[in-house]
Full PDB file with SEQRES, HELIX, SHEET, SSBOND, CRYST1, ORIGX, SCALE, CONECT and MASTER records, all heavy atoms in Angstrom:
SEQRES   1 A   39  PRO VAL ALA VAL VAL ALA TRP LEU ALA ASN THR LEU GLY          
SEQRES   2 A   39  GLU HIS GLY VAL ALA LEU GLU PRO GLY HIS LEU ILE MET          
SEQRES   3 A   39  THR GLY ALA LEU HIS VAL ALA VAL PRO MET SER PRO GLY          
HELIX    1 AA1 VAL A    2  GLY A   13  1                                  12    
CRYST1    1.000    1.000    1.000  90.00  90.00  90.00 P 1           1          
ORIGX1      1.000000  0.000000  0.000000        0.00000                         
ORIGX2      0.000000  1.000000  0.000000        0.00000                         
ORIGX3      0.000000  0.000000  1.000000        0.00000                         
SCALE1      1.000000  0.000000  0.000000        0.00000                         
SCALE2      0.000000  1.000000  0.000000        0.00000                         
SCALE3      0.000000  0.000000  1.000000        0.00000                         
ATOM      1  N   PRO A   1      89.111 173.041 160.693  1.00  0.00           N  
ATOM      2  CA  PRO A   1      89.458 174.452 160.934  1.00  0.00           C  
ATOM      3  C   PRO A   1      88.236 175.272 161.325  1.00  0.00           C  
ATOM      4  O   PRO A   1      88.305 176.162 162.216  1.00  0.00           O  
ATOM      5  CB  PRO A   1      89.824 174.944 159.568  1.00  0.00           C  
ATOM      6  CG  PRO A   1      90.337 173.691 158.750  1.00  0.00           C  
ATOM      7  CD  PRO A   1      89.472 172.575 159.347  1.00  0.00           C  
ATOM      8  N   VAL A   2      86.947 174.830 161.080  1.00  0.00           N  
ATOM      9  CA  VAL A   2      85.721 175.573 161.680  1.00  0.00           C  
ATOM     10  C   VAL A   2      85.662 175.232 163.055  1.00  0.00           C  
ATOM     11  O   VAL A   2      85.293 176.202 163.874  1.00  0.00           O  
ATOM     12  CB  VAL A   2      84.582 175.172 160.791  1.00  0.00           C  
ATOM     13  CG1 VAL A   2      83.321 175.812 161.459  1.00  0.00           C  
ATOM     14  CG2 VAL A   2      84.661 175.321 159.299  1.00  0.00           C  
ATOM     15  N   ALA A   3      85.993 174.126 163.486  1.00  0.00           N  
ATOM     16  CA  ALA A   3      85.970 173.826 165.040  1.00  0.00           C  
ATOM     17  C   ALA A   3      86.962 174.709 165.819  1.00  0.00           C  
ATOM     18  O   ALA A   3      86.794 175.029 166.852  1.00  0.00           O  
ATOM     19  CB  ALA A   3      86.337 172.494 165.256  1.00  0.00           C  
ATOM     20  N   VAL A   4      88.102 175.270 165.027  1.00  0.00           N  
ATOM     21  CA  VAL A   4      88.991 176.095 165.653  1.00  0.00           C  
ATOM     22  C   VAL A   4      88.257 177.477 165.880  1.00  0.00           C  
ATOM     23  O   VAL A   4      88.558 178.075 166.968  1.00  0.00           O  
ATOM     24  CB  VAL A   4      90.260 176.328 164.731  1.00  0.00           C  
ATOM     25  CG1 VAL A   4      91.119 177.534 165.228  1.00  0.00           C  
ATOM     26  CG2 VAL A   4      91.018 175.094 164.509  1.00  0.00           C  
ATOM     27  N   VAL A   5      87.338 177.876 165.002  1.00  0.00           N  
ATOM     28  CA  VAL A   5      86.774 179.188 165.226  1.00  0.00           C  
ATOM     29  C   VAL A   5      85.782 179.089 166.387  1.00  0.00           C  
ATOM     30  O   VAL A   5      85.682 179.945 167.230  1.00  0.00           O  
ATOM     31  CB  VAL A   5      85.892 179.566 163.950  1.00  0.00           C  
ATOM     32  CG1 VAL A   5      85.133 180.902 164.109  1.00  0.00           C  
ATOM     33  CG2 VAL A   5      87.076 179.719 162.824  1.00  0.00           C  
ATOM     34  N   ALA A   6      85.051 177.981 166.461  1.00  0.00           N  
ATOM     35  CA  ALA A   6      84.136 177.769 167.616  1.00  0.00           C  
ATOM     36  C   ALA A   6      84.927 177.663 168.983  1.00  0.00           C  
ATOM     37  O   ALA A   6      84.533 178.348 169.912  1.00  0.00           O  
ATOM     38  CB  ALA A   6      83.356 176.402 167.360  1.00  0.00           C  
ATOM     39  N   TRP A   7      86.130 177.049 168.979  1.00  0.00           N  
ATOM     40  CA  TRP A   7      86.873 177.001 170.172  1.00  0.00           C  
ATOM     41  C   TRP A   7      87.254 178.336 170.563  1.00  0.00           C  
ATOM     42  O   TRP A   7      87.248 178.696 171.741  1.00  0.00           O  
ATOM     43  CB  TRP A   7      88.100 176.087 169.907  1.00  0.00           C  
ATOM     44  CG  TRP A   7      88.936 176.069 171.148  1.00  0.00           C  
ATOM     45  CD1 TRP A   7      88.991 175.120 172.236  1.00  0.00           C  
ATOM     46  CD2 TRP A   7      90.102 176.960 171.304  1.00  0.00           C  
ATOM     47  NE1 TRP A   7      89.995 175.518 173.147  1.00  0.00           N  
ATOM     48  CE2 TRP A   7      90.666 176.620 172.590  1.00  0.00           C  
ATOM     49  CE3 TRP A   7      90.651 177.999 170.659  1.00  0.00           C  
ATOM     50  CZ2 TRP A   7      91.758 177.248 173.061  1.00  0.00           C  
ATOM     51  CZ3 TRP A   7      91.788 178.709 171.265  1.00  0.00           C  
ATOM     52  CH2 TRP A   7      92.335 178.263 172.414  1.00  0.00           C  
ATOM     53  N   LEU A   8      87.732 179.160 169.582  1.00  0.00           N  
ATOM     54  CA  LEU A   8      88.196 180.456 169.866  1.00  0.00           C  
ATOM     55  C   LEU A   8      87.100 181.383 170.501  1.00  0.00           C  
ATOM     56  O   LEU A   8      87.303 182.022 171.382  1.00  0.00           O  
ATOM     57  CB  LEU A   8      88.864 181.074 168.577  1.00  0.00           C  
ATOM     58  CG  LEU A   8      89.360 182.550 168.771  1.00  0.00           C  
ATOM     59  CD1 LEU A   8      90.492 182.534 169.785  1.00  0.00           C  
ATOM     60  CD2 LEU A   8      89.709 183.012 167.458  1.00  0.00           C  
ATOM     61  N   ALA A   9      85.944 181.239 169.797  1.00  0.00           N  
ATOM     62  CA  ALA A   9      84.802 182.084 170.219  1.00  0.00           C  
ATOM     63  C   ALA A   9      84.372 181.687 171.709  1.00  0.00           C  
ATOM     64  O   ALA A   9      84.181 182.684 172.464  1.00  0.00           O  
ATOM     65  CB  ALA A   9      83.512 181.915 169.273  1.00  0.00           C  
ATOM     66  N   ASN A  10      84.395 180.487 171.954  1.00  0.00           N  
ATOM     67  CA  ASN A  10      84.043 180.016 173.400  1.00  0.00           C  
ATOM     68  C   ASN A  10      85.129 180.379 174.377  1.00  0.00           C  
ATOM     69  O   ASN A  10      84.806 180.848 175.482  1.00  0.00           O  
ATOM     70  CB  ASN A  10      83.780 178.553 173.371  1.00  0.00           C  
ATOM     71  CG  ASN A  10      82.497 178.182 172.544  1.00  0.00           C  
ATOM     72  OD1 ASN A  10      81.477 179.019 172.623  1.00  0.00           O  
ATOM     73  ND2 ASN A  10      82.570 176.988 171.974  1.00  0.00           N  
ATOM     74  N   THR A  11      86.333 180.325 174.019  1.00  0.00           N  
ATOM     75  CA  THR A  11      87.435 180.635 174.855  1.00  0.00           C  
ATOM     76  C   THR A  11      87.378 182.092 175.266  1.00  0.00           C  
ATOM     77  O   THR A  11      87.541 182.451 176.301  1.00  0.00           O  
ATOM     78  CB  THR A  11      88.796 180.181 174.311  1.00  0.00           C  
ATOM     79  OG1 THR A  11      88.693 178.677 174.091  1.00  0.00           O  
ATOM     80  CG2 THR A  11      89.921 180.503 175.312  1.00  0.00           C  
ATOM     81  N   LEU A  12      87.388 182.956 174.179  1.00  0.00           N  
ATOM     82  CA  LEU A  12      87.367 184.400 174.436  1.00  0.00           C  
ATOM     83  C   LEU A  12      86.032 184.888 175.045  1.00  0.00           C  
ATOM     84  O   LEU A  12      86.102 185.842 175.766  1.00  0.00           O  
ATOM     85  CB  LEU A  12      87.481 185.092 173.047  1.00  0.00           C  
ATOM     86  CG  LEU A  12      88.794 184.989 172.343  1.00  0.00           C  
ATOM     87  CD1 LEU A  12      88.827 185.639 170.923  1.00  0.00           C  
ATOM     88  CD2 LEU A  12      89.970 185.612 173.181  1.00  0.00           C  
ATOM     89  N   GLY A  13      84.963 184.093 174.930  1.00  0.00           N  
ATOM     90  CA  GLY A  13      83.732 184.496 175.476  1.00  0.00           C  
ATOM     91  C   GLY A  13      83.763 184.285 176.998  1.00  0.00           C  
ATOM     92  O   GLY A  13      83.105 185.190 177.636  1.00  0.00           O  
ATOM     93  N   GLU A  14      84.596 183.481 177.487  1.00  0.00           N  
ATOM     94  CA  GLU A  14      84.754 183.422 178.885  1.00  0.00           C  
ATOM     95  C   GLU A  14      85.229 184.637 179.490  1.00  0.00           C  
ATOM     96  O   GLU A  14      85.195 184.827 180.758  1.00  0.00           O  
ATOM     97  CB  GLU A  14      85.663 182.110 179.287  1.00  0.00           C  
ATOM     98  CG  GLU A  14      85.108 180.782 178.789  1.00  0.00           C  
ATOM     99  CD  GLU A  14      86.074 179.702 179.032  1.00  0.00           C  
ATOM    100  OE1 GLU A  14      87.208 179.962 179.535  1.00  0.00           O  
ATOM    101  OE2 GLU A  14      85.653 178.530 178.790  1.00  0.00           O  
ATOM    102  N   HIS A  15      85.890 185.428 178.614  1.00  0.00           N  
ATOM    103  CA  HIS A  15      86.563 186.704 179.123  1.00  0.00           C  
ATOM    104  C   HIS A  15      85.909 187.862 178.541  1.00  0.00           C  
ATOM    105  O   HIS A  15      86.278 189.081 178.675  1.00  0.00           O  
ATOM    106  CB  HIS A  15      88.018 186.751 178.658  1.00  0.00           C  
ATOM    107  CG  HIS A  15      88.889 185.651 179.093  1.00  0.00           C  
ATOM    108  ND1 HIS A  15      89.237 185.423 180.356  1.00  0.00           N  
ATOM    109  CD2 HIS A  15      89.355 184.427 178.430  1.00  0.00           C  
ATOM    110  CE1 HIS A  15      90.045 184.214 180.390  1.00  0.00           C  
ATOM    111  NE2 HIS A  15      89.931 183.695 179.148  1.00  0.00           N  
ATOM    112  N   GLY A  16      84.698 187.721 178.099  1.00  0.00           N  
ATOM    113  CA  GLY A  16      83.809 188.860 177.643  1.00  0.00           C  
ATOM    114  C   GLY A  16      84.351 189.380 176.257  1.00  0.00           C  
ATOM    115  O   GLY A  16      83.943 190.492 175.991  1.00  0.00           O  
ATOM    116  N   VAL A  17      85.024 188.648 175.526  1.00  0.00           N  
ATOM    117  CA  VAL A  17      85.528 189.087 174.239  1.00  0.00           C  
ATOM    118  C   VAL A  17      84.767 188.410 173.131  1.00  0.00           C  
ATOM    119  O   VAL A  17      84.647 187.186 173.191  1.00  0.00           O  
ATOM    120  CB  VAL A  17      87.061 188.956 174.066  1.00  0.00           C  
ATOM    121  CG1 VAL A  17      87.449 189.345 172.712  1.00  0.00           C  
ATOM    122  CG2 VAL A  17      87.667 189.667 175.144  1.00  0.00           C  
ATOM    123  N   ALA A  18      84.317 189.035 172.074  1.00  0.00           N  
ATOM    124  CA  ALA A  18      83.606 188.446 170.921  1.00  0.00           C  
ATOM    125  C   ALA A  18      84.503 188.631 169.714  1.00  0.00           C  
ATOM    126  O   ALA A  18      85.372 189.434 169.608  1.00  0.00           O  
ATOM    127  CB  ALA A  18      82.307 189.094 170.736  1.00  0.00           C  
ATOM    128  N   LEU A  19      84.290 187.696 168.760  1.00  0.00           N  
ATOM    129  CA  LEU A  19      84.805 187.802 167.386  1.00  0.00           C  
ATOM    130  C   LEU A  19      83.870 188.637 166.566  1.00  0.00           C  
ATOM    131  O   LEU A  19      82.778 188.550 166.581  1.00  0.00           O  
ATOM    132  CB  LEU A  19      84.903 186.426 166.775  1.00  0.00           C  
ATOM    133  CG  LEU A  19      85.735 185.273 167.560  1.00  0.00           C  
ATOM    134  CD1 LEU A  19      85.775 184.074 166.841  1.00  0.00           C  
ATOM    135  CD2 LEU A  19      87.124 185.896 167.730  1.00  0.00           C  
ATOM    136  N   GLU A  20      84.517 189.608 165.885  1.00  0.00           N  
ATOM    137  CA  GLU A  20      83.797 190.649 165.225  1.00  0.00           C  
ATOM    138  C   GLU A  20      83.704 190.500 163.722  1.00  0.00           C  
ATOM    139  O   GLU A  20      84.695 189.955 163.151  1.00  0.00           O  
ATOM    140  CB  GLU A  20      84.223 192.049 165.584  1.00  0.00           C  
ATOM    141  CG  GLU A  20      84.349 192.397 167.093  1.00  0.00           C  
ATOM    142  CD  GLU A  20      82.893 192.561 167.701  1.00  0.00           C  
ATOM    143  OE1 GLU A  20      81.928 192.650 166.907  1.00  0.00           O  
ATOM    144  OE2 GLU A  20      82.843 192.526 168.907  1.00  0.00           O  
ATOM    145  N   PRO A  21      82.656 190.948 162.972  1.00  0.00           N  
ATOM    146  CA  PRO A  21      82.656 190.957 161.467  1.00  0.00           C  
ATOM    147  C   PRO A  21      83.961 191.599 160.878  1.00  0.00           C  
ATOM    148  O   PRO A  21      84.396 192.666 161.439  1.00  0.00           O  
ATOM    149  CB  PRO A  21      81.396 191.716 161.205  1.00  0.00           C  
ATOM    150  CG  PRO A  21      80.571 191.636 162.370  1.00  0.00           C  
ATOM    151  CD  PRO A  21      81.457 191.673 163.551  1.00  0.00           C  
ATOM    152  N   GLY A  22      84.444 190.811 159.982  1.00  0.00           N  
ATOM    153  CA  GLY A  22      85.695 191.322 159.383  1.00  0.00           C  
ATOM    154  C   GLY A  22      86.881 190.823 159.969  1.00  0.00           C  
ATOM    155  O   GLY A  22      88.089 190.945 159.393  1.00  0.00           O  
ATOM    156  N   HIS A  23      86.785 190.279 161.205  1.00  0.00           N  
ATOM    157  CA  HIS A  23      88.070 189.702 161.828  1.00  0.00           C  
ATOM    158  C   HIS A  23      88.619 188.481 161.042  1.00  0.00           C  
ATOM    159  O   HIS A  23      87.875 187.718 160.411  1.00  0.00           O  
ATOM    160  CB  HIS A  23      87.736 189.138 163.220  1.00  0.00           C  
ATOM    161  CG  HIS A  23      87.894 190.141 164.258  1.00  0.00           C  
ATOM    162  ND1 HIS A  23      87.532 189.935 165.622  1.00  0.00           N  
ATOM    163  CD2 HIS A  23      88.304 191.440 164.283  1.00  0.00           C  
ATOM    164  CE1 HIS A  23      87.798 191.000 166.308  1.00  0.00           C  
ATOM    165  NE2 HIS A  23      88.258 192.052 165.476  1.00  0.00           N  
ATOM    166  N   LEU A  24      89.882 188.446 160.943  1.00  0.00           N  
ATOM    167  CA  LEU A  24      90.655 187.449 160.283  1.00  0.00           C  
ATOM    168  C   LEU A  24      90.952 186.320 161.482  1.00  0.00           C  
ATOM    169  O   LEU A  24      91.439 186.693 162.467  1.00  0.00           O  
ATOM    170  CB  LEU A  24      92.054 187.885 159.701  1.00  0.00           C  
ATOM    171  CG  LEU A  24      91.801 188.965 158.565  1.00  0.00           C  
ATOM    172  CD1 LEU A  24      93.185 189.599 158.253  1.00  0.00           C  
ATOM    173  CD2 LEU A  24      91.084 188.341 157.334  1.00  0.00           C  
ATOM    174  N   ILE A  25      90.643 185.040 161.128  1.00  0.00           N  
ATOM    175  CA  ILE A  25      90.970 184.086 162.077  1.00  0.00           C  
ATOM    176  C   ILE A  25      91.922 183.074 161.458  1.00  0.00           C  
ATOM    177  O   ILE A  25      91.565 182.365 160.492  1.00  0.00           O  
ATOM    178  CB  ILE A  25      89.567 183.333 162.517  1.00  0.00           C  
ATOM    179  CG1 ILE A  25      88.563 184.302 162.956  1.00  0.00           C  
ATOM    180  CG2 ILE A  25      89.941 182.299 163.582  1.00  0.00           C  
ATOM    181  CD1 ILE A  25      88.890 185.265 164.119  1.00  0.00           C  
ATOM    182  N   MET A  26      93.151 183.027 161.988  1.00  0.00           N  
ATOM    183  CA  MET A  26      94.066 182.000 161.505  1.00  0.00           C  
ATOM    184  C   MET A  26      93.959 180.781 162.334  1.00  0.00           C  
ATOM    185  O   MET A  26      93.909 180.793 163.525  1.00  0.00           O  
ATOM    186  CB  MET A  26      95.483 182.677 161.819  1.00  0.00           C  
ATOM    187  CG  MET A  26      95.668 184.081 161.182  1.00  0.00           C  
ATOM    188  SD  MET A  26      97.215 184.846 161.678  1.00  0.00           S  
ATOM    189  CE  MET A  26      98.348 183.709 160.722  1.00  0.00           C  
ATOM    190  N   THR A  27      93.697 179.605 161.522  1.00  0.00           N  
ATOM    191  CA  THR A  27      93.333 178.512 162.141  1.00  0.00           C  
ATOM    192  C   THR A  27      94.387 177.381 162.514  1.00  0.00           C  
ATOM    193  O   THR A  27      94.024 176.379 163.058  1.00  0.00           O  
ATOM    194  CB  THR A  27      92.232 177.723 161.263  1.00  0.00           C  
ATOM    195  OG1 THR A  27      92.834 177.507 159.957  1.00  0.00           O  
ATOM    196  CG2 THR A  27      91.019 178.662 161.110  1.00  0.00           C  
ATOM    197  N   GLY A  28      95.716 177.717 162.173  1.00  0.00           N  
ATOM    198  CA  GLY A  28      96.720 176.850 162.672  1.00  0.00           C  
ATOM    199  C   GLY A  28      97.405 176.200 161.512  1.00  0.00           C  
ATOM    200  O   GLY A  28      96.828 176.024 160.421  1.00  0.00           O  
ATOM    201  N   ALA A  29      98.658 175.879 161.767  1.00  0.00           N  
ATOM    202  CA  ALA A  29      99.531 175.378 160.725  1.00  0.00           C  
ATOM    203  C   ALA A  29      99.144 174.028 160.316  1.00  0.00           C  
ATOM    204  O   ALA A  29      98.676 173.236 160.988  1.00  0.00           O  
ATOM    205  CB  ALA A  29     100.971 175.326 161.282  1.00  0.00           C  
ATOM    206  N   LEU A  30      99.435 173.783 158.934  1.00  0.00           N  
ATOM    207  CA  LEU A  30      99.012 172.558 158.301  1.00  0.00           C  
ATOM    208  C   LEU A  30     100.243 171.670 158.032  1.00  0.00           C  
ATOM    209  O   LEU A  30     100.286 170.566 157.449  1.00  0.00           O  
ATOM    210  CB  LEU A  30      98.318 172.716 156.972  1.00  0.00           C  
ATOM    211  CG  LEU A  30      97.121 173.483 157.023  1.00  0.00           C  
ATOM    212  CD1 LEU A  30      96.420 173.719 155.551  1.00  0.00           C  
ATOM    213  CD2 LEU A  30      96.019 173.123 157.941  1.00  0.00           C  
ATOM    214  N   HIS A  31     101.390 172.109 158.604  1.00  0.00           N  
ATOM    215  CA  HIS A  31     102.700 171.404 158.434  1.00  0.00           C  
ATOM    216  C   HIS A  31     103.691 171.929 159.395  1.00  0.00           C  
ATOM    217  O   HIS A  31     103.367 172.840 160.097  1.00  0.00           O  
ATOM    218  CB  HIS A  31     103.287 171.662 156.963  1.00  0.00           C  
ATOM    219  CG  HIS A  31     103.457 173.068 156.662  1.00  0.00           C  
ATOM    220  ND1 HIS A  31     104.693 173.623 156.764  1.00  0.00           N  
ATOM    221  CD2 HIS A  31     102.634 174.103 156.311  1.00  0.00           C  
ATOM    222  CE1 HIS A  31     104.586 175.064 156.555  1.00  0.00           C  
ATOM    223  NE2 HIS A  31     103.344 175.283 156.236  1.00  0.00           N  
ATOM    224  N   VAL A  32     104.876 171.355 159.412  1.00  0.00           N  
ATOM    225  CA  VAL A  32     105.940 171.893 160.393  1.00  0.00           C  
ATOM    226  C   VAL A  32     106.560 173.249 159.783  1.00  0.00           C  
ATOM    227  O   VAL A  32     106.686 173.459 158.613  1.00  0.00           O  
ATOM    228  CB  VAL A  32     107.134 170.896 160.458  1.00  0.00           C  
ATOM    229  CG1 VAL A  32     108.290 171.382 161.226  1.00  0.00           C  
ATOM    230  CG2 VAL A  32     106.592 169.577 160.985  1.00  0.00           C  
ATOM    231  N   ALA A  33     106.702 174.172 160.769  1.00  0.00           N  
ATOM    232  CA  ALA A  33     107.204 175.552 160.420  1.00  0.00           C  
ATOM    233  C   ALA A  33     108.557 175.459 159.703  1.00  0.00           C  
ATOM    234  O   ALA A  33     109.341 174.545 159.998  1.00  0.00           O  
ATOM    235  CB  ALA A  33     107.244 176.361 161.631  1.00  0.00           C  
ATOM    236  N   VAL A  34     108.741 176.277 158.700  1.00  0.00           N  
ATOM    237  CA  VAL A  34     109.846 176.295 157.842  1.00  0.00           C  
ATOM    238  C   VAL A  34     110.662 177.633 158.089  1.00  0.00           C  
ATOM    239  O   VAL A  34     110.115 178.686 157.974  1.00  0.00           O  
ATOM    240  CB  VAL A  34     109.477 176.103 156.315  1.00  0.00           C  
ATOM    241  CG1 VAL A  34     110.785 176.164 155.476  1.00  0.00           C  
ATOM    242  CG2 VAL A  34     108.659 174.901 156.200  1.00  0.00           C  
ATOM    243  N   PRO A  35     111.921 177.599 158.503  1.00  0.00           N  
ATOM    244  CA  PRO A  35     112.693 178.789 158.546  1.00  0.00           C  
ATOM    245  C   PRO A  35     112.807 179.694 157.276  1.00  0.00           C  
ATOM    246  O   PRO A  35     112.861 179.170 156.297  1.00  0.00           O  
ATOM    247  CB  PRO A  35     114.166 178.223 158.990  1.00  0.00           C  
ATOM    248  CG  PRO A  35     113.909 176.880 159.538  1.00  0.00           C  
ATOM    249  CD  PRO A  35     112.714 176.370 158.838  1.00  0.00           C  
ATOM    250  N   MET A  36     112.894 180.913 157.434  1.00  0.00           N  
ATOM    251  CA  MET A  36     112.885 181.858 156.279  1.00  0.00           C  
ATOM    252  C   MET A  36     114.349 182.470 156.158  1.00  0.00           C  
ATOM    253  O   MET A  36     114.963 182.767 157.230  1.00  0.00           O  
ATOM    254  CB  MET A  36     111.908 183.004 156.593  1.00  0.00           C  
ATOM    255  CG  MET A  36     110.454 182.445 156.672  1.00  0.00           C  
ATOM    256  SD  MET A  36     109.394 183.871 157.202  1.00  0.00           S  
ATOM    257  CE  MET A  36     109.814 185.284 156.243  1.00  0.00           C  
ATOM    258  N   SER A  37     114.617 182.694 154.924  1.00  0.00           N  
ATOM    259  CA  SER A  37     116.039 183.356 154.687  1.00  0.00           C  
ATOM    260  C   SER A  37     115.775 184.382 153.637  1.00  0.00           C  
ATOM    261  O   SER A  37     114.959 184.295 152.764  1.00  0.00           O  
ATOM    262  CB  SER A  37     117.004 182.388 154.230  1.00  0.00           C  
ATOM    263  OG  SER A  37     117.268 181.358 155.234  1.00  0.00           O  
ATOM    264  N   PRO A  38     116.611 185.498 153.640  1.00  0.00           N  
ATOM    265  CA  PRO A  38     116.448 186.550 152.566  1.00  0.00           C  
ATOM    266  C   PRO A  38     116.712 185.890 151.136  1.00  0.00           C  
ATOM    267  O   PRO A  38     117.559 184.988 150.947  1.00  0.00           O  
ATOM    268  CB  PRO A  38     117.640 187.389 152.913  1.00  0.00           C  
ATOM    269  CG  PRO A  38     117.798 187.308 154.347  1.00  0.00           C  
ATOM    270  CD  PRO A  38     117.640 185.958 154.640  1.00  0.00           C  
ATOM    271  N   GLY A  39     115.767 186.288 150.302  1.00  0.00           N  
ATOM    272  CA  GLY A  39     115.808 185.756 148.936  1.00  0.00           C  
ATOM    273  C   GLY A  39     114.897 184.599 148.633  1.00  0.00           C  
ATOM    274  O   GLY A  39     114.485 184.275 147.440  1.00  0.00           O  
TER     275      GLY A  39                                                      
MASTER        0    0    0    1    0    0    0    6  274    1    0    3          
END                                                                             
């Protein structure tokens, strides 16, 4: 997951965008997505 942060910083950096203090970084699913239903 830390490599995800490095990848994101480098990818955004190519467009002049930085990751800022306090930013939340979601690093990707650890399993297959599960449909949600009310209740």
